[in-house]
Amino acid sequence: MQAADLGQIPDSEKTQSPLDLFLIIAGANLVATTLQTGASLAPAFGLKQAGLLVGAGVILGTALVASLTPLGPRLGVPSVVACRAALGLRGGALVSLILYVTNFAWIAVNNVIAASACARVFGGPGSERFWAFGLGLLATAVVAGGPRAVSHADRFAVPLLLLVGGVLTFALFRLPASVTPLPVDGSMTAVRGLDVVIGYQVSWLLMFADYSRYTRSAAKGTAAVFLGLALTSLWFIPLGFVTARAARSGDPGAQCADDP
């Protein structure tokens, strides 16, 4: 079954386990843009206030995405088709266009950040374009293989991403007390900060049925999406915030590549 298929998935082909769905969502959310969401809050808020904003924003935003997830298993069609009942054919086409453009934007941003980090370790600054091109080709090849290829890739990629996150977390705990954190300048209101976190979670909304439609159980699919999105955000957004504060930089590429 290919990701681009628009037809209804019969029950006999809904063989994706809730674990695979969880890994797909978790793997797609353990990325530099999740760190950047936290890093964007670093100049404006202290640790306690940021923690409250992140916690509330993640739960509220993820709950909204999860509330639409059952439509995937029940209807068996992708989001751009499922939304036609409410928006019509033109509305569905508009959602498809927005999803197409925003997905390329997310992939491009993450590839550039990943390429910057890889170039710092292997090849130097001059190799950054090579890394960006190579990582882009790799991501395209995996997606072209459909949900089965993505699930297999995630079985390798998610543990690796967890390891990277663990290394960053461990490095932060080893920071010397002499490190001076980024000063708080109050450049963002609490309402705007909450909006940033909720908005990042809600960016998944256009894909509410795309992955869950391959899972038979609506309840288990909803739980997998909620946990996959919420748990990774509750880890990586605060991690990005604390890393940016410690590194005195909002650049997630530099944060991932350099020792704090």
Protein backbone atom coordinates (compact mmCIF):
# COMPACT_ATOMS: atom_id res chain seq x y z
CA MET A 1 0.00 0.00 0.00
CA GLN A 2 1.43 3.36 -1.03
CA ALA A 3 1.14 6.59 0.93
CA ALA A 4 -0.23 8.36 -2.15
CA ASP A 5 -3.21 5.98 -2.49
CA LEU A 6 -6.51 7.84 -2.20
CA GLY A 7 -8.79 4.81 -2.18
CA GLN A 8 -10.40 3.36 0.91
CA ILE A 9 -8.29 0.85 2.84
CA PRO A 10 -10.28 -2.37 3.39
CA ASP A 11 -10.35 -3.81 6.90
CA SER A 12 -8.33 -6.81 5.73
CA GLU A 13 -5.40 -4.51 4.89
CA LYS A 14 -5.44 -2.52 8.13
CA THR A 15 -2.48 -4.44 9.50
CA GLN A 16 -0.45 -1.60 10.98
CA SER A 17 0.03 -2.16 14.70
CA PRO A 18 -0.50 0.65 17.23
CA LEU A 19 3.21 0.33 18.02
CA ASP A 20 4.17 1.03 14.41
CA LEU A 21 1.81 4.02 14.36
CA PHE A 22 3.35 5.28 17.60
CA LEU A 23 6.86 4.91 16.13
CA ILE A 24 5.89 6.78 12.95
CA ILE A 25 4.49 9.73 14.90
CA ALA A 26 7.26 9.71 17.50
CA GLY A 27 9.99 9.41 14.88
CA ALA A 28 8.54 12.24 12.81
CA ASN A 29 8.36 14.49 15.89
CA LEU A 30 11.87 13.80 17.25
CA VAL A 31 13.36 16.39 14.94
CA ALA A 32 15.23 19.67 15.09
CA THR A 33 12.07 21.73 14.54
CA THR A 34 10.69 20.37 17.83
CA LEU A 35 13.88 21.55 19.52
CA GLN A 36 13.51 24.88 17.74
CA THR A 37 10.01 25.34 19.15
CA GLY A 38 11.50 25.19 22.62
CA ALA A 39 14.48 27.32 21.61
CA SER A 40 12.14 30.05 20.36
CA LEU A 41 10.80 30.44 23.91
CA ALA A 42 14.23 30.73 25.51
CA PRO A 43 14.76 34.50 25.21
CA ALA A 44 11.34 35.37 26.60
CA PHE A 45 10.64 33.08 29.56
CA GLY A 46 12.21 31.61 32.65
CA LEU A 47 12.29 27.87 33.25
CA LYS A 48 9.13 27.64 35.38
CA GLN A 49 6.94 29.74 33.09
CA ALA A 50 8.21 27.98 29.98
CA GLY A 51 7.49 24.61 31.57
CA LEU A 52 3.88 25.59 32.24
CA LEU A 53 3.42 26.93 28.70
CA VAL A 54 4.95 23.85 27.12
CA GLY A 55 2.93 21.42 29.24
CA ALA A 56 -0.38 23.17 28.58
CA GLY A 57 0.35 23.79 24.91
CA VAL A 58 1.42 20.22 24.18
CA ILE A 59 -1.60 18.65 25.89
CA LEU A 60 -4.13 21.01 24.31
CA GLY A 61 -2.63 20.87 20.82
CA THR A 62 -2.12 17.11 20.84
CA ALA A 63 -5.64 16.49 22.13
CA LEU A 64 -7.03 18.40 19.15
CA VAL A 65 -5.03 16.29 16.70
CA ALA A 66 -5.92 13.04 18.51
CA SER A 67 -9.63 13.91 18.52
CA LEU A 68 -9.69 13.57 14.72
CA THR A 69 -7.51 10.45 14.57
CA PRO A 70 -10.42 7.94 14.83
CA LEU A 71 -11.63 9.08 11.41
CA GLY A 72 -8.62 7.33 9.87
CA PRO A 73 -9.47 3.76 10.99
CA ARG A 74 -13.22 4.34 10.56
CA LEU A 75 -13.13 5.81 7.04
CA GLY A 76 -9.93 4.23 5.76
CA VAL A 77 -9.13 7.23 3.54
CA PRO A 78 -6.42 9.93 3.76
CA SER A 79 -7.11 13.31 5.31
CA VAL A 80 -7.55 15.17 2.01
CA VAL A 81 -10.39 12.80 1.11
CA ALA A 82 -11.93 12.59 4.59
CA CYS A 83 -12.24 16.38 4.80
CA ARG A 84 -14.32 16.59 1.60
CA ALA A 85 -17.49 15.84 3.55
CA ALA A 86 -17.06 19.09 5.47
CA LEU A 87 -15.17 21.24 2.94
CA GLY A 88 -16.24 19.88 -0.44
CA LEU A 89 -13.99 18.96 -3.36
CA ARG A 90 -12.42 22.41 -3.64
CA GLY A 91 -11.83 22.57 0.09
CA GLY A 92 -10.22 19.15 -0.01
CA ALA A 93 -8.01 20.28 -2.89
CA LEU A 94 -6.98 23.35 -0.89
CA VAL A 95 -6.07 21.19 2.11
CA SER A 96 -4.04 18.96 -0.21
CA LEU A 97 -2.13 21.95 -1.58
CA ILE A 98 -1.43 23.34 1.89
CA LEU A 99 -0.28 19.92 3.10
CA TYR A 100 2.00 19.49 0.07
CA VAL A 101 3.67 22.88 0.53
CA THR A 102 4.04 22.71 4.32
CA ASN A 103 5.47 19.19 4.24
CA PHE A 104 8.20 20.31 1.85
CA ALA A 105 8.88 23.28 4.13
CA TRP A 106 9.19 21.08 7.25
CA ILE A 107 11.43 18.58 5.44
CA ALA A 108 13.60 21.34 4.01
CA VAL A 109 14.10 23.02 7.40
CA ASN A 110 14.96 19.75 9.12
CA ASN A 111 17.32 18.72 6.33
CA VAL A 112 19.19 22.02 6.49
CA ILE A 113 19.60 21.75 10.26
CA ALA A 114 20.65 18.08 10.03
CA ALA A 115 23.09 18.93 7.24
CA SER A 116 24.60 21.73 9.33
CA ALA A 117 25.12 19.36 12.28
CA CYS A 118 26.58 16.60 10.08
CA ALA A 119 28.92 19.05 8.34
CA ARG A 120 30.28 20.17 11.71
CA VAL A 121 31.27 16.57 12.47
CA PHE A 122 32.14 15.24 8.99
CA GLY A 123 33.50 17.32 6.14
CA GLY A 124 33.39 20.86 7.47
CA PRO A 125 31.17 23.80 6.39
CA GLY A 126 31.90 23.23 2.71
CA SER A 127 30.11 19.86 2.80
CA GLU A 128 26.81 21.22 4.10
CA ARG A 129 25.14 21.29 0.67
CA PHE A 130 26.25 17.71 0.03
CA TRP A 131 24.72 16.59 3.32
CA ALA A 132 21.47 18.48 2.65
CA PHE A 133 21.15 16.90 -0.80
CA GLY A 134 22.01 13.40 0.42
CA LEU A 135 19.64 13.52 3.40
CA GLY A 136 16.89 14.85 1.15
CA LEU A 137 17.33 11.94 -1.26
CA LEU A 138 17.31 9.46 1.61
CA ALA A 139 14.09 10.88 3.06
CA THR A 140 12.44 10.85 -0.38
CA ALA A 141 13.42 7.23 -0.98
CA VAL A 142 11.96 6.11 2.35
CA VAL A 143 8.67 7.96 1.83
CA ALA A 144 8.39 6.64 -1.74
CA GLY A 145 8.44 3.14 -0.31
CA GLY A 146 5.11 3.76 1.41
CA PRO A 147 3.99 3.14 5.01
CA ARG A 148 5.73 -0.26 5.22
CA ALA A 149 9.10 1.26 4.30
CA VAL A 150 8.51 4.12 6.75
CA SER A 151 7.68 1.70 9.57
CA HIS A 152 10.86 -0.31 8.90
CA ALA A 153 12.96 2.85 8.77
CA ASP A 154 11.43 4.06 12.02
CA ARG A 155 12.40 0.84 13.79
CA PHE A 156 16.01 1.94 13.20
CA ALA A 157 15.65 5.72 13.20
CA VAL A 158 13.53 6.18 16.33
CA PRO A 159 15.96 4.36 18.66
CA LEU A 160 18.81 6.35 17.10
CA LEU A 161 16.94 9.62 17.65
CA LEU A 162 16.18 8.57 21.21
CA LEU A 163 19.91 8.01 21.69
CA VAL A 164 20.73 11.48 20.35
CA GLY A 165 18.12 13.03 22.64
CA GLY A 166 19.53 11.07 25.56
CA VAL A 167 23.05 12.29 24.81
CA LEU A 168 21.86 15.90 24.68
CA THR A 169 19.93 15.47 27.92
CA PHE A 170 22.93 13.88 29.63
CA ALA A 171 25.20 16.69 28.39
CA LEU A 172 22.89 19.30 29.90
CA PHE A 173 22.98 17.60 33.29
CA ARG A 174 26.78 17.80 33.17
CA LEU A 175 26.87 21.55 32.54
CA PRO A 176 29.19 23.36 34.95
CA ALA A 177 27.55 25.73 37.40
CA SER A 178 29.61 28.58 35.92
CA VAL A 179 27.60 28.55 32.66
CA THR A 180 25.63 31.77 32.32
CA PRO A 181 22.22 31.11 30.73
CA LEU A 182 20.59 33.28 28.10
CA PRO A 183 19.04 36.30 29.86
CA VAL A 184 15.24 36.63 29.85
CA ASP A 185 14.15 39.69 27.85
CA GLY A 186 10.35 39.27 27.93
CA SER A 187 10.16 39.60 24.14
CA MET A 188 7.12 37.30 23.94
CA THR A 189 3.88 37.35 25.93
CA ALA A 190 2.63 34.21 27.68
CA VAL A 191 -0.35 34.02 25.30
CA ARG A 192 1.95 34.15 22.29
CA GLY A 193 4.25 31.54 23.79
CA LEU A 194 1.29 29.22 24.38
CA ASP A 195 0.18 29.84 20.80
CA VAL A 196 3.63 28.84 19.50
CA VAL A 197 3.50 25.49 21.29
CA ILE A 198 -0.13 24.74 20.41
CA GLY A 199 0.49 25.81 16.81
CA TYR A 200 3.42 23.43 16.47
CA GLN A 201 1.31 20.51 17.69
CA VAL A 202 -1.66 21.50 15.52
CA SER A 203 0.58 21.51 12.44
CA TRP A 204 -0.11 17.74 12.46
CA LEU A 205 -3.83 18.37 12.03
CA LEU A 206 -3.81 18.19 8.22
CA MET A 207 -2.54 14.59 8.46
CA PHE A 208 -5.11 13.40 11.03
CA ALA A 209 -6.07 10.30 9.02
CA ASP A 210 -3.04 9.67 6.81
CA TYR A 211 -1.22 7.25 9.12
CA SER A 212 -3.98 6.01 11.39
CA ARG A 213 -6.06 4.66 8.48
CA TYR A 214 -3.80 1.60 8.32
CA THR A 215 -4.61 0.70 11.95
CA ARG A 216 -7.77 -1.32 12.63
CA SER A 217 -8.63 -0.03 16.12
CA ALA A 218 -9.74 3.60 16.36
CA ALA A 219 -9.16 3.70 20.13
CA LYS A 220 -5.66 2.22 19.96
CA GLY A 221 -4.80 4.41 16.98
CA THR A 222 -5.89 7.52 18.87
CA ALA A 223 -3.81 6.52 21.90
CA ALA A 224 -0.79 5.82 19.69
CA VAL A 225 -1.01 9.23 18.01
CA PHE A 226 -1.57 11.10 21.28
CA LEU A 227 1.29 9.38 23.08
CA GLY A 228 3.66 9.51 20.12
CA LEU A 229 3.15 13.25 19.69
CA ALA A 230 2.76 14.30 23.33
CA LEU A 231 5.63 12.32 24.88
CA THR A 232 8.19 13.38 22.30
CA SER A 233 7.09 17.03 22.48
CA LEU A 234 7.17 17.04 26.28
CA TRP A 235 10.78 15.89 26.01
CA PHE A 236 12.20 17.70 22.97
CA ILE A 237 10.53 21.11 23.36
CA PRO A 238 11.86 21.59 26.93
CA LEU A 239 15.18 20.13 25.77
CA GLY A 240 15.40 22.75 23.03
CA PHE A 241 14.50 25.46 25.53
CA VAL A 242 17.13 24.44 28.09
CA THR A 243 19.78 23.86 25.43
CA ALA A 244 19.20 27.28 23.90
CA ARG A 245 19.38 28.89 27.33
CA ALA A 246 22.64 27.12 28.12
CA ALA A 247 24.22 27.64 24.70
CA ARG A 248 22.94 31.24 24.52
CA SER A 249 21.85 30.47 20.96
CA GLY A 250 18.56 29.69 19.28
CA ASP A 251 20.24 27.71 16.49
CA PRO A 252 19.28 24.03 16.99
CA GLY A 253 21.93 22.93 14.53
CA ALA A 254 24.65 24.43 16.67
CA GLN A 255 23.06 23.04 19.82
CA CYS A 256 23.05 19.50 18.46
CA ALA A 257 26.55 19.63 17.04
CA ASP A 258 28.48 21.40 19.76
CA ASP A 259 29.14 20.48 23.36
CA PRO A 260 27.28 22.87 25.69
